């Protein structure tokens, strides 16, 4: 068991309902327009923290100028309560992230990456790895899926709801 992350693409109408308290974060995932559409959901499982660390490093507090910081933990509008919280990624942030993700390659990930640093900073799931190549391969594969998901959201003028539970 562990903490998993997932993205959901939603329309502005659902965003308004979330922000007005008409629906709860939990309810979004049971809405027919979300539940019945598997392409509206993307599970990133336990990779959320590893992905964030690789894209942003350990400088989370200084990462606001880096659009890649908005892929996982940065940016967004907090919604929910103490029982379930999430981040709404705005269409503007989604566009910004898409441009930034276009510059990320497996080579660029590998260049600044250190498994030892990741473990030193206590990044969730880091201890599951023994090999840097394995981490880079897993993260790059996840980033390709995330990139496609964000592009679909931008093309469909949707927002993204990120939940880590």
Protein backbone atom coordinates (compact mmCIF):
# COMPACT_ATOMS: atom_id res chain seq x y z
CA UNK A 1 0.00 0.00 0.00
CA UNK A 2 1.13 3.52 -0.57
CA UNK A 3 0.34 7.00 -1.68
CA UNK A 4 -0.64 7.10 -5.37
CA UNK A 5 -1.21 10.02 -7.69
CA UNK A 6 -3.66 10.46 -10.48
CA UNK A 7 -4.76 13.12 -12.89
CA UNK A 8 -8.31 13.70 -14.13
CA UNK A 9 -9.25 15.91 -17.05
CA UNK A 10 -12.40 17.90 -16.32
CA UNK A 11 -14.46 20.64 -17.93
CA UNK A 12 -14.98 24.15 -16.54
CA UNK A 13 -18.49 23.25 -15.35
CA UNK A 14 -17.08 20.64 -12.97
CA UNK A 15 -14.34 23.06 -11.88
CA UNK A 16 -17.00 25.61 -10.94
CA UNK A 17 -18.95 22.99 -8.98
CA UNK A 18 -15.79 21.98 -7.10
CA UNK A 19 -14.86 25.55 -6.27
CA UNK A 20 -18.41 26.41 -5.18
CA UNK A 21 -18.60 23.35 -2.92
CA UNK A 22 -21.46 21.82 -4.93
CA UNK A 23 -19.45 18.62 -5.38
CA UNK A 24 -16.58 17.11 -3.40
CA UNK A 25 -13.23 15.96 -4.78
CA UNK A 26 -14.27 12.33 -4.17
CA UNK A 27 -17.41 12.81 -6.26
CA UNK A 28 -15.51 13.94 -9.34
CA UNK A 29 -14.19 10.45 -9.95
CA UNK A 30 -17.69 8.97 -9.95
CA UNK A 31 -19.18 11.46 -12.40
CA UNK A 32 -20.36 9.72 -15.59
CA UNK A 33 -18.26 12.02 -17.78
CA UNK A 34 -15.12 11.00 -15.82
CA UNK A 35 -15.84 7.44 -14.70
CA UNK A 36 -16.99 6.27 -18.12
CA UNK A 37 -14.05 7.81 -19.97
CA UNK A 38 -10.80 6.00 -19.28
CA UNK A 39 -8.86 8.57 -21.30
CA UNK A 40 -9.92 11.23 -18.76
CA UNK A 41 -7.91 9.50 -16.02
CA UNK A 42 -4.17 8.96 -15.74
CA UNK A 43 -2.67 7.08 -12.82
CA UNK A 44 0.93 7.90 -12.00
CA UNK A 45 0.89 5.45 -9.11
CA UNK A 46 3.70 5.99 -6.65
CA UNK A 47 5.93 7.89 -9.11
CA UNK A 48 4.52 11.33 -8.26
CA UNK A 49 7.33 12.31 -5.85
CA UNK A 50 10.12 10.84 -7.99
CA UNK A 51 8.81 12.70 -11.05
CA UNK A 52 8.61 15.96 -9.12
CA UNK A 53 12.13 15.56 -7.74
CA UNK A 54 13.62 14.77 -11.13
CA UNK A 55 11.92 17.75 -12.78
CA UNK A 56 12.45 20.28 -9.99
CA UNK A 57 15.16 18.92 -7.73
CA UNK A 58 15.28 19.64 -4.04
CA UNK A 59 14.60 23.35 -4.53
CA UNK A 60 10.80 23.13 -4.36
CA UNK A 61 10.54 26.48 -2.55
CA UNK A 62 12.41 28.25 -5.36
CA UNK A 63 10.72 26.38 -8.21
CA UNK A 64 7.87 28.77 -8.98
CA UNK A 65 9.69 30.14 -12.05
CA UNK A 66 10.15 26.64 -13.44
CA UNK A 67 7.07 25.53 -15.42
CA UNK A 68 8.09 21.91 -14.85
CA UNK A 69 7.35 22.46 -11.17
CA UNK A 70 3.66 22.56 -12.14
CA UNK A 71 3.62 19.03 -13.54
CA UNK A 72 3.00 17.49 -10.12
CA UNK A 73 3.18 19.38 -6.83
CA UNK A 74 3.52 23.00 -7.90
CA UNK A 75 0.99 25.51 -9.12
CA UNK A 76 -2.68 24.75 -9.28
CA UNK A 77 -5.59 25.82 -7.17
CA UNK A 78 -6.13 23.77 -3.98
CA UNK A 79 -9.59 22.22 -3.65
CA UNK A 80 -11.06 19.82 -1.14
CA UNK A 81 -10.74 19.50 2.60
CA UNK A 82 -8.84 17.59 5.26
CA UNK A 83 -10.35 14.30 4.06
CA UNK A 84 -9.42 14.70 0.41
CA UNK A 85 -7.51 17.47 -1.24
CA UNK A 86 -6.39 18.02 -4.78
CA UNK A 87 -4.88 20.62 -7.08
CA UNK A 88 -6.67 22.07 -10.09
CA UNK A 89 -4.26 22.80 -12.91
CA UNK A 90 -5.58 25.74 -14.94
CA UNK A 91 -5.65 25.82 -18.75
CA UNK A 92 -2.88 28.45 -18.65
CA UNK A 93 -0.70 26.21 -16.47
CA UNK A 94 -1.44 23.23 -18.71
CA UNK A 95 -0.27 25.18 -21.75
CA UNK A 96 2.85 26.30 -19.90
CA UNK A 97 3.59 22.73 -18.80
CA UNK A 98 3.13 21.45 -22.35
CA UNK A 99 5.74 23.87 -23.65
CA UNK A 100 8.16 22.90 -20.89
CA UNK A 101 7.61 19.15 -21.27
CA UNK A 102 8.49 19.45 -24.97
CA UNK A 103 12.06 20.24 -23.87
CA UNK A 104 12.40 17.15 -21.65
CA UNK A 105 14.17 14.12 -23.06
CA UNK A 106 15.50 10.93 -21.56
CA UNK A 107 18.98 12.41 -22.03
CA UNK A 108 18.11 15.63 -20.16
CA UNK A 109 16.66 13.62 -17.28
CA UNK A 110 19.76 11.45 -17.08
CA UNK A 111 22.18 14.41 -17.11
CA UNK A 112 21.31 15.91 -13.75
CA UNK A 113 19.99 12.83 -12.01
CA UNK A 114 21.48 11.11 -8.98
CA UNK A 115 19.81 8.20 -7.24
CA UNK A 116 21.96 8.88 -4.18
CA UNK A 117 20.59 12.47 -4.00
CA UNK A 118 17.06 11.23 -4.38
CA UNK A 119 17.55 8.83 -1.48
CA UNK A 120 19.33 11.49 0.57
CA UNK A 121 16.27 13.75 0.28
CA UNK A 122 13.91 10.95 1.31
CA UNK A 123 11.97 10.98 -1.94
CA UNK A 124 9.02 8.61 -1.76
CA UNK A 125 9.74 5.34 -3.59
CA UNK A 126 13.48 6.09 -3.93
CA UNK A 127 14.45 3.10 -1.80
CA UNK A 128 12.68 0.79 -4.25
CA UNK A 129 15.43 1.49 -6.79
CA UNK A 130 19.00 0.23 -6.96
CA UNK A 131 19.81 1.36 -10.47
CA UNK A 132 19.77 4.88 -11.94
CA UNK A 133 18.95 3.63 -15.44
CA UNK A 134 15.82 1.94 -14.13
CA UNK A 135 14.61 5.17 -12.48
CA UNK A 136 15.27 7.24 -15.59
CA UNK A 137 13.49 4.73 -17.81
CA UNK A 138 10.44 4.57 -15.51
CA UNK A 139 10.20 8.34 -15.08
CA UNK A 140 10.67 9.09 -18.76
CA UNK A 141 7.94 6.58 -19.62
CA UNK A 142 5.62 8.21 -17.09
CA UNK A 143 6.46 11.68 -18.44
CA UNK A 144 5.56 10.61 -21.97
CA UNK A 145 2.11 9.57 -20.71
CA UNK A 146 1.74 12.78 -18.68
CA UNK A 147 2.76 14.85 -21.69
CA UNK A 148 0.09 13.23 -23.89
CA UNK A 149 -2.48 13.71 -21.12
CA UNK A 150 -1.67 17.42 -20.74
CA UNK A 151 -1.75 17.89 -24.54
CA UNK A 152 -5.21 16.30 -24.69
CA UNK A 153 -6.38 18.59 -21.89
CA UNK A 154 -5.08 21.65 -23.74
CA UNK A 155 -6.67 20.58 -27.03
CA UNK A 156 -10.02 19.97 -25.32
CA UNK A 157 -9.82 23.17 -23.22
CA UNK A 158 -10.00 21.16 -20.02
CA UNK A 159 -8.59 21.58 -16.57
CA UNK A 160 -6.63 18.86 -14.75
CA UNK A 161 -7.39 17.74 -11.24
CA UNK A 162 -4.39 16.15 -9.51
CA UNK A 163 -5.03 14.01 -6.48
CA UNK A 164 -2.43 12.22 -4.40
CA UNK A 165 -4.01 9.74 -2.02
